[in-house]
Amino acid sequence: MHAIFKSLEHSYSGEPNCDQVTKHFIDGLKDQLRQQHGTEDLSSAPVTVCQFIIAGFEEQDVSRPFLQSHIVFSGKITVDGNENSSSYILRWSSKQEQPYGGCWIGRAEFITHIVNHNNPSLPPISGQHHLMTLADAVDYTRFLVEFTCDFQRFAIMVPDCGRPIVSATLTPEGYQAQVID
């Protein structure tokens, strides 16, 4: 997948606009799936799923974050109990909900467990995204990833999360990656 995203990144020639870049990635992934499966009708192909998150800032304005979670797929998949063969789903968008929020993909059950807990004896730890500083948001993300790794370390399972963790922060001023041991 990394090679496909890098190829799509290099082939993009449009404006630096989050919506246009996202559309380029979605269309490019669909084209790749059609080529891989040798069919124009992705709904009849075997199931292949690609999830990705686009994050940035609209109009280079820190107060207007852009965060979306997307699923591009072939075949028929079930999402939230509904079968879907459309080849694309916008899973979550800060434009639809509110300008601040969080989304996650992959082995989401661990993060979902901690964020959507059902223990009334403990206070919730989510839902205050609009009050977080960028530093707090980075720390919150790090906490959720470390929780996933630590939970799997002690669970009766083969862990698929480990360290080091690479954290990245994207602001209008630039990109900064940090390795967390």
Protein backbone atom coordinates (compact mmCIF):
# COMPACT_ATOMS: atom_id res chain seq x y z
CA MET A 1 0.00 0.00 0.00
CA HIS A 2 2.87 2.36 0.77
CA ALA A 3 4.09 2.11 -2.84
CA ILE A 4 0.60 2.82 -4.19
CA PHE A 5 0.20 5.91 -2.00
CA LYS A 6 3.69 7.13 -2.96
CA SER A 7 2.84 6.66 -6.65
CA LEU A 8 -0.43 8.55 -6.22
CA GLU A 9 1.37 11.28 -4.31
CA HIS A 10 3.86 11.75 -7.16
CA SER A 11 1.15 11.67 -9.84
CA TYR A 12 -0.96 14.42 -8.24
CA SER A 13 -0.81 17.70 -10.13
CA GLY A 14 -3.84 19.59 -8.78
CA GLU A 15 -4.25 22.38 -6.30
CA PRO A 16 -3.10 21.87 -2.69
CA ASN A 17 -6.69 21.32 -1.56
CA CYS A 18 -7.66 18.55 0.90
CA ASP A 19 -10.85 17.60 -0.98
CA GLN A 20 -9.06 17.35 -4.34
CA VAL A 21 -6.15 15.35 -2.89
CA THR A 22 -8.61 12.98 -1.18
CA LYS A 23 -10.54 12.45 -4.43
CA HIS A 24 -7.24 11.71 -6.22
CA PHE A 25 -6.38 9.03 -3.63
CA ILE A 26 -9.87 7.46 -3.76
CA ASP A 27 -9.96 7.35 -7.58
CA GLY A 28 -6.38 6.06 -7.73
CA LEU A 29 -7.06 3.28 -5.22
CA LYS A 30 -10.19 2.23 -7.13
CA ASP A 31 -8.18 2.14 -10.37
CA GLN A 32 -5.52 0.03 -8.65
CA LEU A 33 -8.16 -2.43 -7.39
CA ARG A 34 -9.73 -2.67 -10.87
CA GLN A 35 -6.30 -3.40 -12.33
CA GLN A 36 -5.41 -5.89 -9.59
CA HIS A 37 -8.67 -7.82 -9.97
CA GLY A 38 -8.93 -7.43 -13.75
CA THR A 39 -12.47 -6.05 -13.66
CA GLU A 40 -14.33 -2.78 -14.06
CA ASP A 41 -17.04 -3.92 -11.63
CA LEU A 42 -15.43 -3.79 -8.19
CA SER A 43 -18.57 -5.17 -6.51
CA SER A 44 -18.01 -8.55 -8.23
CA ALA A 45 -14.32 -8.78 -7.27
CA PRO A 46 -12.91 -10.55 -4.20
CA VAL A 47 -12.85 -8.44 -1.05
CA THR A 48 -9.83 -6.18 -0.69
CA VAL A 49 -10.05 -3.31 1.80
CA CYS A 50 -7.90 -0.21 2.11
CA GLN A 51 -8.51 2.21 4.97
CA PHE A 52 -6.76 5.55 5.20
CA ILE A 53 -6.99 8.81 7.08
CA ILE A 54 -6.39 12.25 5.55
CA ALA A 55 -5.44 14.99 8.00
CA GLY A 56 -4.54 18.58 7.33
CA PHE A 57 -5.75 22.14 7.53
CA GLU A 58 -8.14 23.83 5.17
CA GLU A 59 -6.80 27.05 3.67
CA GLN A 60 -3.67 26.71 5.83
CA ASP A 61 -5.70 27.82 8.86
CA VAL A 62 -4.91 26.09 12.15
CA SER A 63 -8.43 26.76 13.46
CA ARG A 64 -10.01 24.76 10.60
CA PRO A 65 -8.64 21.20 10.77
CA PHE A 66 -9.45 18.65 8.07
CA LEU A 67 -9.72 15.05 9.29
CA GLN A 68 -11.39 12.21 7.40
CA SER A 69 -11.37 8.42 7.52
CA HIS A 70 -12.01 6.58 4.23
CA ILE A 71 -12.55 2.99 3.10
CA VAL A 72 -11.93 1.98 -0.52
CA PHE A 73 -12.72 -1.65 -1.27
CA SER A 74 -13.66 -4.30 -3.77
CA GLY A 75 -16.34 -6.92 -3.28
CA LYS A 76 -19.02 -6.61 -0.62
CA ILE A 77 -18.21 -5.65 2.96
CA THR A 78 -20.33 -5.19 6.07
CA VAL A 79 -19.97 -1.89 7.90
CA ASP A 80 -22.06 -1.08 10.97
CA GLY A 81 -24.23 -4.13 10.21
CA ASN A 82 -25.00 -3.04 6.64
CA GLU A 83 -23.73 -4.79 3.51
CA ASN A 84 -22.11 -2.41 1.04
CA SER A 85 -20.79 -2.96 -2.48
CA SER A 86 -20.29 0.69 -3.50
CA SER A 87 -16.43 0.42 -3.41
CA TYR A 88 -16.12 3.55 -1.27
CA ILE A 89 -17.28 4.77 2.15
CA LEU A 90 -16.53 8.05 3.88
CA ARG A 91 -16.28 6.60 7.37
CA TRP A 92 -15.90 9.81 9.37
CA SER A 93 -15.34 13.48 8.62
CA SER A 94 -14.72 16.49 10.81
CA LYS A 95 -16.79 18.43 8.26
CA GLN A 96 -19.86 16.26 8.93
CA GLU A 97 -19.64 15.99 12.70
CA GLN A 98 -17.81 18.96 14.14
CA PRO A 99 -14.49 20.60 13.28
CA TYR A 100 -12.65 18.78 16.09
CA GLY A 101 -12.62 15.07 16.74
CA GLY A 102 -10.76 11.84 16.35
CA CYS A 103 -10.89 8.76 14.20
CA TRP A 104 -8.90 5.55 14.06
CA ILE A 105 -8.48 2.60 11.72
CA GLY A 106 -6.87 -0.81 11.85
CA ARG A 107 -7.17 -2.76 15.11
CA ALA A 108 -9.68 -0.24 16.44
CA GLU A 109 -11.24 -2.46 19.10
CA PHE A 110 -8.59 -1.54 21.69
CA ILE A 111 -8.98 2.21 21.26
CA THR A 112 -12.77 1.83 21.05
CA HIS A 113 -12.66 -0.04 24.37
CA ILE A 114 -10.89 2.78 26.18
CA VAL A 115 -12.70 5.68 24.48
CA ASN A 116 -16.23 4.23 24.61
CA HIS A 117 -15.95 2.44 27.94
CA ASN A 118 -19.10 1.47 29.81
CA ASN A 119 -17.83 1.67 33.39
CA PRO A 120 -19.90 4.36 35.18
CA SER A 121 -17.36 4.43 38.03
CA LEU A 122 -14.74 5.99 35.74
CA PRO A 123 -14.99 9.38 34.05
CA PRO A 124 -14.89 9.43 30.24
CA ILE A 125 -11.59 10.41 28.63
CA SER A 126 -12.92 11.46 25.23
CA GLY A 127 -15.11 14.09 23.73
CA GLN A 128 -13.11 17.17 24.66
CA HIS A 129 -11.17 17.43 21.41
CA HIS A 130 -12.07 21.09 20.91
CA LEU A 131 -10.40 21.97 24.23
CA MET A 132 -7.13 20.17 23.51
CA THR A 133 -3.96 21.96 22.59
CA LEU A 134 -1.91 20.39 19.83
CA ALA A 135 0.50 19.05 22.48
CA ASP A 136 -2.42 17.48 24.39
CA ALA A 137 -3.76 15.90 21.18
CA VAL A 138 -0.34 14.38 20.46
CA ASP A 139 -0.14 13.05 24.04
CA TYR A 140 -3.69 11.65 23.79
CA THR A 141 -2.84 9.87 20.55
CA ARG A 142 0.36 8.48 22.06
CA PHE A 143 -1.63 7.25 25.11
CA LEU A 144 -4.14 5.41 22.89
CA VAL A 145 -1.42 3.72 20.84
CA GLU A 146 0.61 2.79 23.93
CA PHE A 147 -2.56 1.41 25.55
CA THR A 148 -3.16 -0.76 22.47
CA CYS A 149 0.41 -2.11 22.60
CA ASP A 150 0.35 -2.66 26.37
CA PHE A 151 -3.10 -4.30 26.31
CA GLN A 152 -1.95 -6.73 23.62
CA ARG A 153 1.26 -7.43 25.54
CA PHE A 154 -0.73 -8.86 28.46
CA ALA A 155 -3.70 -10.28 26.54
CA ILE A 156 -3.99 -13.92 25.52
CA MET A 157 -3.24 -13.27 21.86
CA VAL A 158 -0.40 -12.80 19.42
CA PRO A 159 0.32 -9.06 19.59
CA ASP A 160 0.35 -7.10 16.35
CA CYS A 161 1.20 -3.75 17.91
CA GLY A 162 4.68 -2.95 19.11
CA ARG A 163 7.31 -0.34 19.63
CA PRO A 164 8.87 1.87 18.55
CA ILE A 165 5.86 4.08 17.81
CA VAL A 166 6.27 6.80 15.21
CA SER A 167 4.16 9.87 15.87
CA ALA A 168 3.76 12.66 13.32
CA THR A 169 2.41 16.17 13.70
CA LEU A 170 1.27 18.13 10.66
CA THR A 171 0.74 21.87 11.00
CA PRO A 172 0.67 24.68 8.43
CA GLU A 173 4.29 25.34 9.39
CA GLY A 174 5.44 21.82 8.55
CA TYR A 175 5.69 18.14 9.36
CA GLN A 176 7.46 16.72 12.41
CA ALA A 177 7.95 13.02 13.16
CA GLN A 178 8.96 11.64 16.54
CA VAL A 179 9.97 8.10 17.48
CA ILE A 180 8.65 6.94 20.86
CA ASP A 181 10.38 3.97 22.49
